[in-house]
Amino acid sequence: IHRAVRLVQQRIIQQEPALCSTVIPTPKLHLTLAVSYLPDPEYVTRAAKVVKECVNAARETFTTPPVSLTFTGIKSFKNE
């Protein structure tokens, strides 16, 4: 999984070098499930476009079958 994440990070940086400083080292990665605040339909449209672009990029990058993951805990930040 870490190797695949590094590949995605490298691809993102190739597309947008300014994001280099935002890359999280793979040993510190975590999965965040969140609901975004999208105040109006324009934000929803923009967010949907970005998600579709990410899905397409992932499909191009990952050519192996999907991986099944098992999660062993739930945490929150500041009880939010």
C-alpha atoms as a PDB file:
ATOM      1  CA  ILE A   1       0.000   0.000   0.000  1.00  0.00           C
ATOM      2  CA  HIS A   2       2.799   2.409   0.866  1.00  0.00           C
ATOM      3  CA  ARG A   3       4.410   1.898  -2.547  1.00  0.00           C
ATOM      4  CA  ALA A   4       1.129   2.636  -4.288  1.00  0.00           C
ATOM      5  CA  VAL A   5       0.595   5.757  -2.172  1.00  0.00           C
ATOM      6  CA  ARG A   6       4.079   6.994  -3.053  1.00  0.00           C
ATOM      7  CA  LEU A   7       3.250   6.531  -6.742  1.00  0.00           C
ATOM      8  CA  VAL A   8       0.089   8.604  -6.343  1.00  0.00           C
ATOM      9  CA  GLN A   9       1.995  11.287  -4.444  1.00  0.00           C
ATOM     10  CA  GLN A  10       4.659  11.404  -7.154  1.00  0.00           C
ATOM     11  CA  ARG A  11       2.027  11.762  -9.844  1.00  0.00           C
ATOM     12  CA  ILE A  12       0.330  14.603  -7.967  1.00  0.00           C
ATOM     13  CA  ILE A  13       3.650  16.419  -7.540  1.00  0.00           C
ATOM     14  CA  GLN A  14       4.433  15.951 -11.233  1.00  0.00           C
ATOM     15  CA  GLN A  15       1.127  17.605 -12.070  1.00  0.00           C
ATOM     16  CA  GLU A  16       1.401  20.317  -9.419  1.00  0.00           C
ATOM     17  CA  PRO A  17       4.936  20.813  -8.009  1.00  0.00           C
ATOM     18  CA  ALA A  18       3.690  23.468  -5.564  1.00  0.00           C
ATOM     19  CA  LEU A  19       2.005  20.667  -3.595  1.00  0.00           C
ATOM     20  CA  CYS A  20       5.338  19.030  -2.755  1.00  0.00           C
ATOM     21  CA  SER A  21       5.380  20.535   0.725  1.00  0.00           C
ATOM     22  CA  THR A  22       1.939  19.071   1.492  1.00  0.00           C
ATOM     23  CA  VAL A  23       2.915  15.424   0.965  1.00  0.00           C
ATOM     24  CA  ILE A  24       2.649  13.336   4.136  1.00  0.00           C
ATOM     25  CA  PRO A  25       5.355  10.687   4.648  1.00  0.00           C
ATOM     26  CA  THR A  26       3.761   7.272   4.112  1.00  0.00           C
ATOM     27  CA  PRO A  27       4.466   5.963   7.654  1.00  0.00           C
ATOM     28  CA  LYS A  28       2.349   8.844   9.013  1.00  0.00           C
ATOM     29  CA  LEU A  29      -0.587   8.356   6.674  1.00  0.00           C
ATOM     30  CA  HIS A  30      -4.072   7.771   7.999  1.00  0.00           C
ATOM     31  CA  LEU A  31      -7.532   7.528   6.546  1.00  0.00           C
ATOM     32  CA  THR A  32      -9.862  10.403   7.290  1.00  0.00           C
ATOM     33  CA  LEU A  33     -13.550  10.087   6.630  1.00  0.00           C
ATOM     34  CA  ALA A  34     -15.164  13.478   6.619  1.00  0.00           C
ATOM     35  CA  VAL A  35     -18.083  15.494   5.394  1.00  0.00           C
ATOM     36  CA  SER A  36     -17.058  18.651   3.601  1.00  0.00           C
ATOM     37  CA  TYR A  37     -18.893  21.903   4.014  1.00  0.00           C
ATOM     38  CA  LEU A  38     -20.036  22.899   0.538  1.00  0.00           C
ATOM     39  CA  PRO A  39     -22.044  26.103   0.993  1.00  0.00           C
ATOM     40  CA  ASP A  40     -23.675  26.294  -2.417  1.00  0.00           C
ATOM     41  CA  PRO A  41     -24.255  24.331  -5.652  1.00  0.00           C
ATOM     42  CA  GLU A  42     -21.137  25.814  -7.288  1.00  0.00           C
ATOM     43  CA  TYR A  43     -18.946  24.267  -4.573  1.00  0.00           C
ATOM     44  CA  VAL A  44     -20.725  20.930  -4.966  1.00  0.00           C
ATOM     45  CA  THR A  45     -20.126  20.992  -8.735  1.00  0.00           C
ATOM     46  CA  ARG A  46     -16.465  21.886  -8.285  1.00  0.00           C
ATOM     47  CA  ALA A  47     -15.963  19.166  -5.662  1.00  0.00           C
ATOM     48  CA  ALA A  48     -17.644  16.549  -7.871  1.00  0.00           C
ATOM     49  CA  LYS A  49     -15.362  17.493 -10.770  1.00  0.00           C
ATOM     50  CA  VAL A  50     -12.248  17.087  -8.614  1.00  0.00           C
ATOM     51  CA  VAL A  51     -13.408  13.697  -7.296  1.00  0.00           C
ATOM     52  CA  LYS A  52     -14.039  12.455 -10.849  1.00  0.00           C
ATOM     53  CA  GLU A  53     -10.562  13.624 -11.913  1.00  0.00           C
ATOM     54  CA  CYS A  54      -9.007  11.785  -8.968  1.00  0.00           C
ATOM     55  CA  VAL A  55     -10.912   8.598  -9.793  1.00  0.00           C
ATOM     56  CA  ASN A  56      -9.729   8.754 -13.401  1.00  0.00           C
ATOM     57  CA  ALA A  57      -6.114   9.339 -12.325  1.00  0.00           C
ATOM     58  CA  ALA A  58      -6.320   6.419  -9.879  1.00  0.00           C
ATOM     59  CA  ARG A  59      -7.686   4.127 -12.587  1.00  0.00           C
ATOM     60  CA  GLU A  60      -4.763   5.062 -14.843  1.00  0.00           C
ATOM     61  CA  THR A  61      -2.243   4.535 -12.045  1.00  0.00           C
ATOM     62  CA  PHE A  62      -3.550   1.346 -10.462  1.00  0.00           C
ATOM     63  CA  THR A  63      -3.869  -1.468 -12.972  1.00  0.00           C
ATOM     64  CA  THR A  64      -4.076  -4.300 -10.451  1.00  0.00           C
ATOM     65  CA  PRO A  65      -7.336  -5.572  -8.966  1.00  0.00           C
ATOM     66  CA  PRO A  66      -8.698  -3.632  -5.971  1.00  0.00           C
ATOM     67  CA  VAL A  67      -7.346  -4.460  -2.522  1.00  0.00           C
ATOM     68  CA  SER A  68      -9.580  -5.385   0.385  1.00  0.00           C
ATOM     69  CA  LEU A  69      -8.745  -3.608   3.662  1.00  0.00           C
ATOM     70  CA  THR A  70      -9.678  -4.403   7.241  1.00  0.00           C
ATOM     71  CA  PHE A  71      -9.913  -1.558   9.757  1.00  0.00           C
ATOM     72  CA  THR A  72      -9.302  -2.095  13.444  1.00  0.00           C
ATOM     73  CA  GLY A  73     -10.248   1.177  15.102  1.00  0.00           C
ATOM     74  CA  ILE A  74     -11.942   4.524  14.993  1.00  0.00           C
ATOM     75  CA  LYS A  75     -10.606   7.782  16.388  1.00  0.00           C
ATOM     76  CA  SER A  76     -11.527  11.414  16.101  1.00  0.00           C
ATOM     77  CA  PHE A  77      -9.761  14.719  16.440  1.00  0.00           C
ATOM     78  CA  LYS A  78     -10.924  16.721  19.434  1.00  0.00           C
ATOM     79  CA  ASN A  79     -14.046  14.562  19.678  1.00  0.00           C
ATOM     80  CA  GLU A  80     -15.463  16.179  16.560  1.00  0.00           C
END
